[in-house]
Amino acid sequence: MEEYNIQFRKTHDLVLLHDSSGGLLPELDAHRVALAHLTVFGIAARYPGTEADEPAATDALNTADTVRTVIRTKLGL
C-alpha cells in the first residue's frame, strides 16, 4: 500500500487492511473469514492467560502461510 500511496491506519486488523488496499490482492478475497480469525488469534495470543489449542494454532499457521504465499507471489519473491 505504501508503494501505491494508499492511505491506511496502523492496525492489526487484517480484514481492514485488505479492504483498505484498493483491491491490490484480490487473491485474498476468498480468505476474509480466515483473515478475521488470524487477526483475533494474533492479538489475543499476546496476552497472559490466553492460549490456543493445537487445532487453532495449526489453522492460524496455515492461514498465515497462505497469506504469505499470495503476498510473496504478488511481489515476485
Protein backbone atom coordinates (compact mmCIF):
# COMPACT_ATOMS: atom_id res chain seq x y z
CA MET A 1 0.00 0.00 0.00
CA GLU A 2 2.99 2.24 0.61
CA GLU A 3 4.17 1.64 -2.97
CA TYR A 4 0.78 2.74 -4.32
CA ASN A 5 0.42 5.72 -1.94
CA ILE A 6 -2.72 4.23 -0.42
CA GLN A 7 -3.55 5.77 2.93
CA PHE A 8 -4.13 3.32 5.77
CA ARG A 9 -4.14 3.45 9.52
CA LYS A 10 -1.94 1.41 11.78
CA THR A 11 -3.88 -1.66 12.80
CA HIS A 12 -3.55 -5.37 13.37
CA ASP A 13 -6.92 -5.95 11.67
CA LEU A 14 -6.03 -7.92 8.54
CA VAL A 15 -9.53 -7.61 7.05
CA LEU A 16 -9.45 -3.83 7.45
CA LEU A 17 -6.01 -3.68 5.85
CA HIS A 18 -7.19 -5.88 2.99
CA ASP A 19 -10.29 -3.72 2.50
CA SER A 20 -8.12 -0.58 2.55
CA SER A 21 -5.78 -1.94 -0.11
CA GLY A 22 -7.95 -0.89 -3.02
CA GLY A 23 -8.14 -4.40 -4.44
CA LEU A 24 -4.38 -4.95 -4.66
CA LEU A 25 -4.70 -8.57 -3.51
CA PRO A 26 -7.94 -9.98 -4.92
CA GLU A 27 -6.41 -13.42 -4.34
CA LEU A 28 -7.21 -12.92 -0.64
CA ASP A 29 -10.90 -12.08 -1.13
CA ALA A 30 -11.87 -15.71 -0.59
CA HIS A 31 -9.91 -15.76 2.69
CA ARG A 32 -11.75 -12.98 4.55
CA VAL A 33 -13.04 -15.27 7.32
CA ALA A 34 -9.57 -16.77 7.76
CA LEU A 35 -8.03 -13.29 7.88
CA ALA A 36 -10.51 -12.27 10.59
CA HIS A 37 -9.68 -15.41 12.56
CA LEU A 38 -5.95 -14.78 12.18
CA THR A 39 -6.42 -11.21 13.39
CA VAL A 40 -8.17 -12.35 16.57
CA PHE A 41 -5.69 -15.15 17.09
CA GLY A 42 -2.72 -12.85 16.62
CA ILE A 43 -3.92 -10.26 19.10
CA ALA A 44 -5.42 -12.49 21.80
CA ALA A 45 -2.40 -14.80 21.95
CA ARG A 46 -0.18 -11.91 23.03
CA TYR A 47 -1.82 -11.54 26.42
CA PRO A 48 -1.23 -13.70 29.50
CA GLY A 49 -3.93 -16.22 30.25
CA THR A 50 -4.95 -16.69 26.63
CA GLU A 51 -3.91 -19.88 24.96
CA ALA A 52 -4.65 -21.57 21.68
CA ASP A 53 -5.24 -25.26 21.35
CA GLU A 54 -3.28 -27.19 18.75
CA PRO A 55 -6.00 -27.20 16.04
CA ALA A 56 -6.46 -23.42 16.36
CA ALA A 57 -2.70 -22.85 16.20
CA THR A 58 -2.39 -25.13 13.16
CA ASP A 59 -5.27 -23.30 11.43
CA ALA A 60 -3.66 -19.92 12.13
CA LEU A 61 -0.31 -21.10 10.79
CA ASN A 62 -1.97 -22.44 7.63
CA THR A 63 -3.74 -19.11 7.08
CA ALA A 64 -0.53 -17.18 7.66
CA ASP A 65 1.26 -19.41 5.17
CA THR A 66 -1.45 -18.86 2.55
CA VAL A 67 -1.35 -15.07 3.01
CA ARG A 68 2.45 -15.07 2.91
CA THR A 69 2.48 -17.10 -0.32
CA VAL A 70 -0.03 -14.77 -2.00
CA ILE A 71 1.92 -11.67 -0.99
CA ARG A 72 5.31 -13.09 -1.96
CA THR A 73 3.94 -14.15 -5.34
CA LYS A 74 2.49 -10.69 -5.89
CA LEU A 75 5.87 -9.14 -5.02
CA GLY A 76 7.73 -11.55 -7.28
CA LEU A 77 9.66 -13.15 -4.43
